Amino acid sequence: MNLIILASVVIWIAAIYELIKPSKEQNSRKLIALTSVGTLSTLIITLTLFEDMFKVL
């Protein structure tokens, strides 16, 4: 789980770095890919945390 969280943070940092570039230097395909993978990893983390929370209850 820690590895997924770390990877997600790195992905979002890369996406933010791509967004702060000037418009002409931005790679839209790279930005779409980073955002998609970042969203998927965040969803996995969220679902896993909810599953763990309901196991405790």
PDB file of N, CA and C in Angstrom:
ATOM      1  N   MET A   1       0.824  -1.196   0.000  1.00  0.00           N
ATOM      2  CA  MET A   1       0.000   0.000   0.000  1.00  0.00           C
ATOM      3  C   MET A   1       0.870   1.262   0.000  1.00  0.00           C
ATOM      4  N   ASN A   2       1.939   1.228   0.790  1.00  0.00           N
ATOM      5  CA  ASN A   2       2.819   2.400   0.846  1.00  0.00           C
ATOM      6  C   ASN A   2       3.436   2.710  -0.511  1.00  0.00           C
ATOM      7  N   LEU A   3       3.732   1.667  -1.267  1.00  0.00           N
ATOM      8  CA  LEU A   3       4.314   1.856  -2.591  1.00  0.00           C
ATOM      9  C   LEU A   3       3.323   2.544  -3.534  1.00  0.00           C
ATOM     10  N   ILE A   4       2.055   2.156  -3.442  1.00  0.00           N
ATOM     11  CA  ILE A   4       1.026   2.776  -4.280  1.00  0.00           C
ATOM     12  C   ILE A   4       0.862   4.247  -3.910  1.00  0.00           C
ATOM     13  N   ILE A   5       0.876   4.536  -2.615  1.00  0.00           N
ATOM     14  CA  ILE A   5       0.745   5.928  -2.170  1.00  0.00           C
ATOM     15  C   ILE A   5       1.922   6.759  -2.660  1.00  0.00           C
ATOM     16  N   LEU A   6       3.117   6.235  -2.535  1.00  0.00           N
ATOM     17  CA  LEU A   6       4.306   6.951  -2.992  1.00  0.00           C
ATOM     18  C   LEU A   6       4.257   7.185  -4.500  1.00  0.00           C
ATOM     19  N   ALA A   7       3.872   6.163  -5.242  1.00  0.00           N
ATOM     20  CA  ALA A   7       3.772   6.296  -6.699  1.00  0.00           C
ATOM     21  C   ALA A   7       2.727   7.341  -7.077  1.00  0.00           C
ATOM     22  N   SER A   8       1.613   7.357  -6.361  1.00  0.00           N
ATOM     23  CA  SER A   8       0.560   8.328  -6.635  1.00  0.00           C
ATOM     24  C   SER A   8       1.051   9.753  -6.411  1.00  0.00           C
ATOM     25  N   VAL A   9       1.775   9.963  -5.333  1.00  0.00           N
ATOM     26  CA  VAL A   9       2.319  11.294  -5.045  1.00  0.00           C
ATOM     27  C   VAL A   9       3.277  11.728  -6.154  1.00  0.00           C
ATOM     28  N   VAL A  10       4.131  10.830  -6.584  1.00  0.00           N
ATOM     29  CA  VAL A  10       5.095  11.144  -7.647  1.00  0.00           C
ATOM     30  C   VAL A  10       4.365  11.465  -8.953  1.00  0.00           C
ATOM     31  N   ILE A  11       3.321  10.708  -9.257  1.00  0.00           N
ATOM     32  CA  ILE A  11       2.544  10.949 -10.476  1.00  0.00           C
ATOM     33  C   ILE A  11       1.894  12.325 -10.441  1.00  0.00           C
ATOM     34  N   TRP A  12       1.293  12.675  -9.306  1.00  0.00           N
ATOM     35  CA  TRP A  12       0.634  13.980  -9.206  1.00  0.00           C
ATOM     36  C   TRP A  12       1.643  15.130  -9.252  1.00  0.00           C
ATOM     37  N   ILE A  13       2.822  14.927  -8.672  1.00  0.00           N
ATOM     38  CA  ILE A  13       3.865  15.960  -8.754  1.00  0.00           C
ATOM     39  C   ILE A  13       4.289  16.154 -10.206  1.00  0.00           C
ATOM     40  N   ALA A  14       4.432  15.052 -10.946  1.00  0.00           N
ATOM     41  CA  ALA A  14       4.807  15.145 -12.360  1.00  0.00           C
ATOM     42  C   ALA A  14       3.717  15.856 -13.160  1.00  0.00           C
ATOM     43  N   ALA A  15       2.453  15.581 -12.845  1.00  0.00           N
ATOM     44  CA  ALA A  15       1.343  16.247 -13.543  1.00  0.00           C
ATOM     45  C   ALA A  15       1.343  17.746 -13.257  1.00  0.00           C
ATOM     46  N   ILE A  16       1.572  18.111 -12.008  1.00  0.00           N
ATOM     47  CA  ILE A  16       1.618  19.531 -11.644  1.00  0.00           C
ATOM     48  C   ILE A  16       2.792  20.219 -12.331  1.00  0.00           C
ATOM     49  N   TYR A  17       3.940  19.539 -12.371  1.00  0.00           N
ATOM     50  CA  TYR A  17       5.113  20.100 -13.052  1.00  0.00           C
ATOM     51  C   TYR A  17       4.810  20.345 -14.531  1.00  0.00           C
ATOM     52  N   GLU A  18       4.084  19.420 -15.150  1.00  0.00           N
ATOM     53  CA  GLU A  18       3.725  19.579 -16.553  1.00  0.00           C
ATOM     54  C   GLU A  18       2.750  20.747 -16.738  1.00  0.00           C
ATOM     55  N   LEU A  19       1.866  20.947 -15.770  1.00  0.00           N
ATOM     56  CA  LEU A  19       0.890  22.027 -15.868  1.00  0.00           C
ATOM     57  C   LEU A  19       1.501  23.414 -15.696  1.00  0.00           C
ATOM     58  N   ILE A  20       2.575  23.517 -14.925  1.00  0.00           N
ATOM     59  CA  ILE A  20       3.148  24.841 -14.694  1.00  0.00           C
ATOM     60  C   ILE A  20       4.088  25.281 -15.819  1.00  0.00           C
ATOM     61  N   LYS A  21       4.325  24.402 -16.766  1.00  0.00           N
ATOM     62  CA  LYS A  21       5.122  24.790 -17.937  1.00  0.00           C
ATOM     63  C   LYS A  21       4.317  25.759 -18.789  1.00  0.00           C
ATOM     64  N   PRO A  22       4.993  26.585 -19.564  1.00  0.00           N
ATOM     65  CA  PRO A  22       4.267  27.447 -20.516  1.00  0.00           C
ATOM     66  C   PRO A  22       3.450  26.591 -21.487  1.00  0.00           C
ATOM     67  N   SER A  23       2.375  27.152 -21.984  1.00  0.00           N
ATOM     68  CA  SER A  23       1.438  26.414 -22.839  1.00  0.00           C
ATOM     69  C   SER A  23       2.111  25.748 -24.040  1.00  0.00           C
ATOM     70  N   LYS A  24       3.062  26.424 -24.637  1.00  0.00           N
ATOM     71  CA  LYS A  24       3.712  25.878 -25.827  1.00  0.00           C
ATOM     72  C   LYS A  24       4.596  24.675 -25.511  1.00  0.00           C
ATOM     73  N   GLU A  25       5.060  24.566 -24.283  1.00  0.00           N
ATOM     74  CA  GLU A  25       5.949  23.466 -23.904  1.00  0.00           C
ATOM     75  C   GLU A  25       5.196  22.286 -23.295  1.00  0.00           C
ATOM     76  N   GLN A  26       3.913  22.468 -22.992  1.00  0.00           N
ATOM     77  CA  GLN A  26       3.141  21.389 -22.379  1.00  0.00           C
ATOM     78  C   GLN A  26       2.869  20.281 -23.383  1.00  0.00           C
ATOM     79  N   ASN A  27       2.977  19.050 -22.911  1.00  0.00           N
ATOM     80  CA  ASN A  27       2.669  17.889 -23.726  1.00  0.00           C
ATOM     81  C   ASN A  27       1.300  17.387 -23.279  1.00  0.00           C
ATOM     82  N   SER A  28       0.285  17.620 -24.098  1.00  0.00           N
ATOM     83  CA  SER A  28      -1.085  17.299 -23.687  1.00  0.00           C
ATOM     84  C   SER A  28      -1.292  15.798 -23.507  1.00  0.00           C
ATOM     85  N   ARG A  29      -0.660  14.979 -24.334  1.00  0.00           N
ATOM     86  CA  ARG A  29      -0.799  13.519 -24.176  1.00  0.00           C
ATOM     87  C   ARG A  29      -0.189  13.052 -22.857  1.00  0.00           C
ATOM     88  N   LYS A  30       0.954  13.599 -22.526  1.00  0.00           N
ATOM     89  CA  LYS A  30       1.602  13.254 -21.260  1.00  0.00           C
ATOM     90  C   LYS A  30       0.740  13.700 -20.089  1.00  0.00           C
ATOM     91  N   LEU A  31       0.170  14.887 -20.195  1.00  0.00           N
ATOM     92  CA  LEU A  31      -0.677  15.423 -19.131  1.00  0.00           C
ATOM     93  C   LEU A  31      -1.940  14.576 -18.946  1.00  0.00           C
ATOM     94  N   ILE A  32      -2.545  14.158 -20.036  1.00  0.00           N
ATOM     95  CA  ILE A  32      -3.731  13.302 -19.959  1.00  0.00           C
ATOM     96  C   ILE A  32      -3.376  11.955 -19.342  1.00  0.00           C
ATOM     97  N   ALA A  33      -2.246  11.396 -19.741  1.00  0.00           N
ATOM     98  CA  ALA A  33      -1.821  10.111 -19.189  1.00  0.00           C
ATOM     99  C   ALA A  33      -1.531  10.218 -17.692  1.00  0.00           C
ATOM    100  N   LEU A  34      -0.815  11.255 -17.289  1.00  0.00           N
ATOM    101  CA  LEU A  34      -0.500  11.436 -15.866  1.00  0.00           C
ATOM    102  C   LEU A  34      -1.761  11.647 -15.040  1.00  0.00           C
ATOM    103  N   THR A  35      -2.692  12.433 -15.555  1.00  0.00           N
ATOM    104  CA  THR A  35      -3.931  12.688 -14.836  1.00  0.00           C
ATOM    105  C   THR A  35      -4.765  11.411 -14.720  1.00  0.00           C
ATOM    106  N   SER A  36      -4.814  10.632 -15.778  1.00  0.00           N
ATOM    107  CA  SER A  36      -5.581   9.386 -15.754  1.00  0.00           C
ATOM    108  C   SER A  36      -4.997   8.383 -14.763  1.00  0.00           C
ATOM    109  N   VAL A  37      -3.694   8.193 -14.816  1.00  0.00           N
ATOM    110  CA  VAL A  37      -3.044   7.252 -13.905  1.00  0.00           C
ATOM    111  C   VAL A  37      -3.118   7.759 -12.469  1.00  0.00           C
ATOM    112  N   GLY A  38      -2.973   9.056 -12.285  1.00  0.00           N
ATOM    113  CA  GLY A  38      -3.082   9.635 -10.952  1.00  0.00           C
ATOM    114  C   GLY A  38      -4.468   9.457 -10.366  1.00  0.00           C
ATOM    115  N   THR A  39      -5.486   9.651 -11.185  1.00  0.00           N
ATOM    116  CA  THR A  39      -6.861   9.471 -10.737  1.00  0.00           C
ATOM    117  C   THR A  39      -7.122   8.012 -10.376  1.00  0.00           C
ATOM    118  N   LEU A  40      -6.652   7.099 -11.204  1.00  0.00           N
ATOM    119  CA  LEU A  40      -6.827   5.675 -10.927  1.00  0.00           C
ATOM    120  C   LEU A  40      -6.125   5.268  -9.636  1.00  0.00           C
ATOM    121  N   SER A  41      -4.906   5.726  -9.444  1.00  0.00           N
ATOM    122  CA  SER A  41      -4.178   5.369  -8.223  1.00  0.00           C
ATOM    123  C   SER A  41      -4.843   5.969  -6.985  1.00  0.00           C
ATOM    124  N   THR A  42      -5.368   7.183  -7.101  1.00  0.00           N
ATOM    125  CA  THR A  42      -6.073   7.807  -5.983  1.00  0.00           C
ATOM    126  C   THR A  42      -7.352   7.039  -5.663  1.00  0.00           C
ATOM    127  N   LEU A  43      -8.038   6.571  -6.684  1.00  0.00           N
ATOM    128  CA  LEU A  43      -9.249   5.775  -6.480  1.00  0.00           C
ATOM    129  C   LEU A  43      -8.925   4.458  -5.772  1.00  0.00           C
ATOM    130  N   ILE A  44      -7.850   3.809  -6.180  1.00  0.00           N
ATOM    131  CA  ILE A  44      -7.429   2.559  -5.536  1.00  0.00           C
ATOM    132  C   ILE A  44      -7.109   2.796  -4.067  1.00  0.00           C
ATOM    133  N   ILE A  45      -6.384   3.860  -3.789  1.00  0.00           N
ATOM    134  CA  ILE A  45      -6.028   4.186  -2.400  1.00  0.00           C
ATOM    135  C   ILE A  45      -7.284   4.455  -1.578  1.00  0.00           C
ATOM    136  N   THR A  46      -8.202   5.229  -2.125  1.00  0.00           N
ATOM    137  CA  THR A  46      -9.434   5.563  -1.411  1.00  0.00           C
ATOM    138  C   THR A  46     -10.262   4.317  -1.123  1.00  0.00           C
ATOM    139  N   LEU A  47     -10.438   3.466  -2.114  1.00  0.00           N
ATOM    140  CA  LEU A  47     -11.217   2.238  -1.911  1.00  0.00           C
ATOM    141  C   LEU A  47     -10.562   1.325  -0.880  1.00  0.00           C
ATOM    142  N   THR A  48      -9.256   1.212  -0.929  1.00  0.00           N
ATOM    143  CA  THR A  48      -8.547   0.376   0.036  1.00  0.00           C
ATOM    144  C   THR A  48      -8.709   0.915   1.453  1.00  0.00           C
ATOM    145  N   LEU A  49      -8.625   2.218   1.611  1.00  0.00           N
ATOM    146  CA  LEU A  49      -8.798   2.812   2.931  1.00  0.00           C
ATOM    147  C   LEU A  49     -10.221   2.612   3.459  1.00  0.00           C
ATOM    148  N   PHE A  50     -11.226   2.723   2.581  1.00  0.00           N
ATOM    149  CA  PHE A  50     -12.600   2.484   3.012  1.00  0.00           C
ATOM    150  C   PHE A  50     -12.812   1.018   3.396  1.00  0.00           C
ATOM    151  N   GLU A  51     -12.231   0.095   2.620  1.00  0.00           N
ATOM    152  CA  GLU A  51     -12.330  -1.323   2.973  1.00  0.00           C
ATOM    153  C   GLU A  51     -11.715  -1.593   4.342  1.00  0.00           C
ATOM    154  N   ASP A  52     -10.548  -1.017   4.583  1.00  0.00           N
ATOM    155  CA  ASP A  52      -9.897  -1.210   5.890  1.00  0.00           C
ATOM    156  C   ASP A  52     -10.735  -0.610   7.009  1.00  0.00           C
ATOM    157  N   MET A  53     -11.363   0.518   6.746  1.00  0.00           N
ATOM    158  CA  MET A  53     -12.175   1.157   7.775  1.00  0.00           C
ATOM    159  C   MET A  53     -13.383   0.293   8.121  1.00  0.00           C
ATOM    160  N   PHE A  54     -14.034  -0.307   7.112  1.00  0.00           N
ATOM    161  CA  PHE A  54     -15.205  -1.131   7.368  1.00  0.00           C
ATOM    162  C   PHE A  54     -14.851  -2.481   7.967  1.00  0.00           C
ATOM    163  N   LYS A  55     -13.626  -2.961   7.766  1.00  0.00           N
ATOM    164  CA  LYS A  55     -13.182  -4.207   8.401  1.00  0.00           C
ATOM    165  C   LYS A  55     -13.056  -4.014   9.896  1.00  0.00           C
ATOM    166  N   VAL A  56     -12.669  -2.815  10.318  1.00  0.00           N
ATOM    167  CA  VAL A  56     -12.507  -2.519  11.738  1.00  0.00           C
ATOM    168  C   VAL A  56     -13.872  -2.479  12.429  1.00  0.00           C
ATOM    169  N   LEU A  57     -14.875  -1.955  11.715  1.00  0.00           N
ATOM    170  CA  LEU A  57     -16.228  -1.863  12.287  1.00  0.00           C
ATOM    171  C   LEU A  57     -16.833  -3.220  12.265  1.00  0.00           C
TER     172      LEU A  57
END
